[in-house]
C-alpha atoms as a PDB file:
ATOM      1  CA  UNK A   1      97.923 157.098  84.181  1.00  0.00           C
ATOM      2  CA  UNK A   2      97.004 154.059  81.664  1.00  0.00           C
ATOM      3  CA  UNK A   3      96.043 155.095  78.119  1.00  0.00           C
ATOM      4  CA  UNK A   4      94.332 152.018  77.199  1.00  0.00           C
ATOM      5  CA  UNK A   5      90.778 151.987  77.587  1.00  0.00           C
ATOM      6  CA  UNK A   6      90.372 148.830  79.086  1.00  0.00           C
ATOM      7  CA  UNK A   7      93.168 149.331  81.473  1.00  0.00           C
ATOM      8  CA  UNK A   8      91.526 152.518  82.688  1.00  0.00           C
ATOM      9  CA  UNK A   9      88.290 150.503  83.469  1.00  0.00           C
ATOM     10  CA  UNK A  10      90.408 147.527  85.193  1.00  0.00           C
ATOM     11  CA  UNK A  11      91.894 150.409  87.751  1.00  0.00           C
ATOM     12  CA  UNK A  12      88.761 151.436  87.954  1.00  0.00           C
ATOM     13  CA  UNK A  13      87.234 148.185  89.219  1.00  0.00           C
ATOM     14  CA  UNK A  14      90.303 147.542  91.032  1.00  0.00           C
ATOM     15  CA  UNK A  15      89.620 150.542  93.458  1.00  0.00           C
ATOM     16  CA  UNK A  16      86.134 149.570  93.785  1.00  0.00           C
ATOM     17  CA  UNK A  17      87.319 145.965  94.834  1.00  0.00           C
ATOM     18  CA  UNK A  18      89.745 147.513  97.066  1.00  0.00           C
ATOM     19  CA  UNK A  19      87.616 149.586  99.206  1.00  0.00           C
ATOM     20  CA  UNK A  20      85.014 146.666  99.378  1.00  0.00           C
ATOM     21  CA  UNK A  21      87.422 144.362 100.557  1.00  0.00           C
ATOM     22  CA  UNK A  22      89.076 147.231 103.412  1.00  0.00           C
ATOM     23  CA  UNK A  23      85.340 147.447 104.427  1.00  0.00           C
ATOM     24  CA  UNK A  24      84.789 143.809 104.561  1.00  0.00           C
ATOM     25  CA  UNK A  25      88.393 143.251 106.499  1.00  0.00           C
ATOM     26  CA  UNK A  26      87.222 146.040 108.963  1.00  0.00           C
ATOM     27  CA  UNK A  27      83.602 143.924 109.899  1.00  0.00           C
ATOM     28  CA  UNK A  28      85.507 141.008 110.124  1.00  0.00           C
ATOM     29  CA  UNK A  29      88.371 142.314 112.985  1.00  0.00           C
ATOM     30  CA  UNK A  30      85.207 143.944 114.676  1.00  0.00           C
ATOM     31  CA  UNK A  31      83.421 140.454 114.728  1.00  0.00           C
ATOM     32  CA  UNK A  32      86.578 139.018 116.157  1.00  0.00           C
ATOM     33  CA  UNK A  33      87.001 141.540 118.800  1.00  0.00           C
ATOM     34  CA  UNK A  34      83.352 141.121 119.876  1.00  0.00           C
ATOM     35  CA  UNK A  35      84.272 137.417 120.663  1.00  0.00           C
ATOM     36  CA  UNK A  36      87.131 138.336 123.002  1.00  0.00           C
ATOM     37  CA  UNK A  37      84.727 140.940 124.469  1.00  0.00           C
ATOM     38  CA  UNK A  38      82.210 138.374 125.256  1.00  0.00           C
ATOM     39  CA  UNK A  39      84.878 136.306 126.725  1.00  0.00           C
ATOM     40  CA  UNK A  40      86.388 138.938 128.943  1.00  0.00           C
ATOM     41  CA  UNK A  41      82.615 139.599 130.199  1.00  0.00           C
ATOM     42  CA  UNK A  42      82.289 135.688 130.740  1.00  0.00           C
ATOM     43  CA  UNK A  43      79.301 135.742 129.254  1.00  0.00           C
ATOM     44  CA  UNK A  44      78.624 132.439 127.484  1.00  0.00           C
ATOM     45  CA  UNK A  45      75.578 133.074 125.484  1.00  0.00           C
ATOM     46  CA  UNK A  46      77.137 136.129 124.117  1.00  0.00           C
ATOM     47  CA  UNK A  47      80.402 134.737 123.171  1.00  0.00           C
ATOM     48  CA  UNK A  48      78.769 131.871 121.501  1.00  0.00           C
ATOM     49  CA  UNK A  49      76.830 134.013 119.288  1.00  0.00           C
ATOM     50  CA  UNK A  50      79.536 136.463 118.658  1.00  0.00           C
ATOM     51  CA  UNK A  51      81.669 133.066 117.586  1.00  0.00           C
ATOM     52  CA  UNK A  52      78.970 132.178 115.354  1.00  0.00           C
ATOM     53  CA  UNK A  53      78.754 135.157 113.494  1.00  0.00           C
ATOM     54  CA  UNK A  54      82.844 135.469 113.513  1.00  0.00           C
ATOM     55  CA  UNK A  55      82.871 132.000 111.846  1.00  0.00           C
ATOM     56  CA  UNK A  56      80.575 133.260 109.405  1.00  0.00           C
ATOM     57  CA  UNK A  57      82.700 136.511 108.684  1.00  0.00           C
ATOM     58  CA  UNK A  58      86.054 134.498 108.302  1.00  0.00           C
ATOM     59  CA  UNK A  59      84.613 131.731 105.811  1.00  0.00           C
ATOM     60  CA  UNK A  60      82.998 134.489 103.818  1.00  0.00           C
ATOM     61  CA  UNK A  61      86.038 136.435 103.520  1.00  0.00           C
ATOM     62  CA  UNK A  62      88.079 133.116 102.742  1.00  0.00           C
ATOM     63  CA  UNK A  63      85.467 132.336  99.976  1.00  0.00           C
ATOM     64  CA  UNK A  64      86.173 135.455  98.221  1.00  0.00           C
ATOM     65  CA  UNK A  65      89.872 135.377  98.660  1.00  0.00           C
ATOM     66  CA  UNK A  66      90.356 138.227 101.135  1.00  0.00           C
ATOM     67  CA  UNK A  67      92.007 136.508 103.837  1.00  0.00           C
ATOM     68  CA  UNK A  68      94.537 133.538 103.220  1.00  0.00           C
ATOM     69  CA  UNK A  69      92.874 130.203 104.472  1.00  0.00           C
ATOM     70  CA  UNK A  70      95.633 129.812 106.942  1.00  0.00           C
ATOM     71  CA  UNK A  71      94.554 133.147 108.731  1.00  0.00           C
ATOM     72  CA  UNK A  72      90.975 131.794 108.763  1.00  0.00           C
ATOM     73  CA  UNK A  73      92.031 128.703 110.148  1.00  0.00           C
ATOM     74  CA  UNK A  74      94.264 130.163 112.889  1.00  0.00           C
ATOM     75  CA  UNK A  75      91.836 132.468 113.853  1.00  0.00           C
ATOM     76  CA  UNK A  76      89.275 129.712 113.956  1.00  0.00           C
ATOM     77  CA  UNK A  77      90.873 127.863 116.149  1.00  0.00           C
ATOM     78  CA  UNK A  78      92.036 130.915 118.411  1.00  0.00           C
ATOM     79  CA  UNK A  79      88.345 132.130 118.967  1.00  0.00           C
ATOM     80  CA  UNK A  80      87.183 128.369 119.774  1.00  0.00           C
ATOM     81  CA  UNK A  81      89.968 128.065 122.491  1.00  0.00           C
ATOM     82  CA  UNK A  82      89.116 131.446 123.999  1.00  0.00           C
ATOM     83  CA  UNK A  83      85.379 130.479 124.015  1.00  0.00           C
ATOM     84  CA  UNK A  84      85.907 126.959 125.385  1.00  0.00           C
ATOM     85  CA  UNK A  85      87.647 128.522 128.615  1.00  0.00           C
ATOM     86  CA  UNK A  86      84.307 129.728 129.620  1.00  0.00           C
ATOM     87  CA  UNK A  87      82.565 126.353 129.623  1.00  0.00           C
END
């Protein structure tokens, strides 16, 4: 355990950030799974709505530096391909 007051504060804030990022990543994965579920159901409207929401989550995760930009690009591409199979 740190003895320096500022380091103790940093440890506390890092833990808060870690938990917030963990929660956001979980919701991001859920949003991605929702797109694939809609594609499995062959529901175009639901898939496009889920795709839009997943894009929003991916962009936000990238801007907050929770995930790498290539992770975002790869998932956007895969999701778009999956939804385009319905059209």
